[in-house]
N, C-alpha and C. Protein backbone atom coordinates (compact mmCIF):
# COMPACT_ATOMS: atom_id res chain seq x y z
N UNK A 1 7.99 23.63 33.00
CA UNK A 1 6.76 23.70 33.76
C UNK A 1 6.16 22.29 33.81
N UNK A 2 6.03 21.76 34.99
CA UNK A 2 5.48 20.43 35.15
C UNK A 2 4.04 20.52 35.64
N UNK A 3 3.27 19.51 35.27
CA UNK A 3 1.86 19.47 35.68
C UNK A 3 1.76 18.82 37.05
N UNK A 4 1.02 19.45 37.93
CA UNK A 4 0.79 18.91 39.26
C UNK A 4 -0.51 18.10 39.23
N UNK A 5 -0.54 16.94 39.88
CA UNK A 5 -1.78 16.16 39.90
C UNK A 5 -2.90 16.90 40.62
N UNK A 6 -4.10 16.75 40.11
CA UNK A 6 -5.25 17.45 40.70
C UNK A 6 -5.60 16.85 42.05
N UNK A 7 -5.54 15.52 42.14
CA UNK A 7 -5.81 14.85 43.42
C UNK A 7 -4.60 14.01 43.78
N UNK A 8 -4.49 13.66 45.05
CA UNK A 8 -3.35 12.92 45.53
C UNK A 8 -3.32 11.49 44.99
N UNK A 9 -2.16 10.86 45.15
CA UNK A 9 -2.00 9.50 44.62
C UNK A 9 -2.90 8.50 45.33
N UNK A 10 -3.12 8.68 46.62
CA UNK A 10 -4.00 7.76 47.36
C UNK A 10 -5.43 7.86 46.83
N UNK A 11 -5.88 9.07 46.58
CA UNK A 11 -7.24 9.26 46.06
C UNK A 11 -7.35 8.68 44.65
N UNK A 12 -6.30 8.80 43.86
CA UNK A 12 -6.31 8.23 42.52
C UNK A 12 -6.43 6.72 42.59
N UNK A 13 -5.72 6.09 43.53
CA UNK A 13 -5.79 4.64 43.67
C UNK A 13 -7.18 4.21 44.14
N UNK A 14 -7.82 5.01 44.99
CA UNK A 14 -9.17 4.67 45.43
C UNK A 14 -10.16 4.74 44.28
N UNK A 15 -10.01 5.75 43.44
CA UNK A 15 -10.88 5.88 42.27
C UNK A 15 -10.62 4.71 41.32
N UNK A 16 -9.35 4.41 41.08
CA UNK A 16 -9.00 3.29 40.20
C UNK A 16 -9.57 1.98 40.74
N UNK A 17 -9.44 1.75 42.03
CA UNK A 17 -9.94 0.52 42.64
C UNK A 17 -11.46 0.43 42.50
N UNK A 18 -12.15 1.53 42.72
CA UNK A 18 -13.61 1.53 42.60
C UNK A 18 -14.04 1.26 41.16
N UNK A 19 -13.38 1.91 40.20
CA UNK A 19 -13.71 1.68 38.79
C UNK A 19 -13.38 0.27 38.36
N UNK A 20 -12.28 -0.26 38.85
CA UNK A 20 -11.87 -1.63 38.51
C UNK A 20 -12.88 -2.63 39.06
N UNK A 21 -13.34 -2.42 40.28
CA UNK A 21 -14.34 -3.31 40.87
C UNK A 21 -15.65 -3.25 40.09
N UNK A 22 -16.06 -2.05 39.68
CA UNK A 22 -17.27 -1.90 38.87
C UNK A 22 -17.12 -2.63 37.55
N UNK A 23 -15.98 -2.48 36.90
CA UNK A 23 -15.76 -3.12 35.60
C UNK A 23 -15.72 -4.64 35.73
N UNK A 24 -15.18 -5.13 36.83
CA UNK A 24 -15.10 -6.57 37.02
C UNK A 24 -16.45 -7.20 37.33
N UNK A 25 -17.40 -6.43 37.83
CA UNK A 25 -18.67 -7.03 38.23
C UNK A 25 -19.82 -6.59 37.33
N UNK A 26 -20.27 -5.36 37.48
CA UNK A 26 -21.48 -4.92 36.79
C UNK A 26 -21.30 -4.74 35.30
N UNK A 27 -20.17 -4.24 34.86
CA UNK A 27 -19.97 -4.07 33.43
C UNK A 27 -19.92 -5.42 32.73
N UNK A 28 -19.25 -6.38 33.34
CA UNK A 28 -19.20 -7.72 32.76
C UNK A 28 -20.58 -8.36 32.72
N UNK A 29 -21.33 -8.19 33.77
CA UNK A 29 -22.69 -8.73 33.81
C UNK A 29 -23.57 -8.08 32.74
N UNK A 30 -23.48 -6.77 32.60
CA UNK A 30 -24.32 -6.08 31.61
C UNK A 30 -23.92 -6.46 30.19
N UNK A 31 -22.65 -6.63 29.91
CA UNK A 31 -22.22 -7.07 28.57
C UNK A 31 -22.70 -8.48 28.27
N UNK A 32 -22.69 -9.36 29.27
CA UNK A 32 -23.16 -10.72 29.08
C UNK A 32 -24.66 -10.75 28.80
N UNK A 33 -25.43 -9.98 29.56
CA UNK A 33 -26.87 -9.92 29.34
C UNK A 33 -27.17 -9.34 27.97
N UNK A 34 -26.46 -8.32 27.56
CA UNK A 34 -26.65 -7.72 26.23
C UNK A 34 -26.36 -8.73 25.13
N UNK A 35 -25.27 -9.48 25.26
CA UNK A 35 -24.89 -10.47 24.25
C UNK A 35 -25.97 -11.56 24.14
N UNK A 36 -26.44 -12.06 25.27
CA UNK A 36 -27.47 -13.09 25.24
C UNK A 36 -28.76 -12.54 24.63
N UNK A 37 -29.09 -11.30 24.93
CA UNK A 37 -30.26 -10.66 24.35
C UNK A 37 -30.17 -10.54 22.83
N UNK A 38 -29.00 -10.17 22.32
CA UNK A 38 -28.81 -10.05 20.87
C UNK A 38 -28.95 -11.41 20.21
N UNK A 39 -28.35 -12.43 20.80
CA UNK A 39 -28.45 -13.78 20.24
C UNK A 39 -29.90 -14.25 20.22
N UNK A 40 -30.62 -14.07 21.31
CA UNK A 40 -32.02 -14.49 21.36
C UNK A 40 -32.88 -13.67 20.40
N UNK A 41 -32.57 -12.40 20.22
CA UNK A 41 -33.33 -11.56 19.30
C UNK A 41 -33.17 -12.04 17.85
N UNK A 42 -31.96 -12.42 17.48
CA UNK A 42 -31.75 -12.87 16.10
C UNK A 42 -32.30 -14.27 15.84
N UNK A 43 -32.47 -15.07 16.88
CA UNK A 43 -32.97 -16.43 16.70
C UNK A 43 -34.45 -16.59 17.03
N UNK A 44 -35.16 -15.49 17.19
CA UNK A 44 -36.57 -15.58 17.55
C UNK A 44 -37.37 -16.19 16.39
N UNK A 45 -38.48 -16.88 16.69
CA UNK A 45 -39.24 -17.60 15.65
C UNK A 45 -39.78 -16.71 14.53
N UNK A 46 -40.20 -15.50 14.80
CA UNK A 46 -40.75 -14.63 13.76
C UNK A 46 -39.73 -14.20 12.73
N UNK A 47 -38.48 -14.37 13.01
CA UNK A 47 -37.41 -13.96 12.11
C UNK A 47 -37.13 -15.02 11.04
N UNK A 48 -37.65 -16.21 11.21
CA UNK A 48 -37.33 -17.32 10.31
C UNK A 48 -37.73 -17.02 8.87
N UNK A 49 -38.91 -16.44 8.65
CA UNK A 49 -39.36 -16.14 7.30
C UNK A 49 -38.44 -15.13 6.63
N UNK A 50 -38.05 -14.11 7.37
CA UNK A 50 -37.15 -13.10 6.80
C UNK A 50 -35.77 -13.69 6.47
N UNK A 51 -35.37 -14.71 7.19
CA UNK A 51 -34.08 -15.34 6.92
C UNK A 51 -34.16 -16.25 5.71
N UNK A 52 -35.33 -16.82 5.42
CA UNK A 52 -35.48 -17.71 4.28
C UNK A 52 -35.61 -16.96 2.96
N UNK A 53 -36.14 -15.75 2.97
CA UNK A 53 -36.35 -14.99 1.74
C UNK A 53 -35.07 -14.76 0.94
N UNK A 54 -33.98 -14.28 1.53
CA UNK A 54 -32.77 -14.09 0.72
C UNK A 54 -32.19 -15.43 0.23
N UNK A 55 -32.40 -16.50 0.98
CA UNK A 55 -31.87 -17.79 0.56
C UNK A 55 -32.60 -18.27 -0.69
N UNK A 56 -33.89 -18.00 -0.80
CA UNK A 56 -34.67 -18.41 -1.98
C UNK A 56 -34.33 -17.59 -3.21
N UNK A 57 -33.84 -16.38 -3.03
CA UNK A 57 -33.56 -15.53 -4.18
C UNK A 57 -32.30 -15.94 -4.93
N UNK A 58 -31.47 -16.77 -4.33
CA UNK A 58 -30.27 -17.23 -5.01
C UNK A 58 -30.65 -18.39 -5.87
């Protein structure tokens, strides 16, 4: 018993192409913005005191 595809091969390629285009553009952009946000969050000025406290305890 073999499995029959739910949608045709052409439709599968259209879905793949659309998902690939989304991943190449918006997903990459959102990951870049998230990464920059995390870096800026950890380097914000109010965090400096909390970063010095563990260093003084050694």
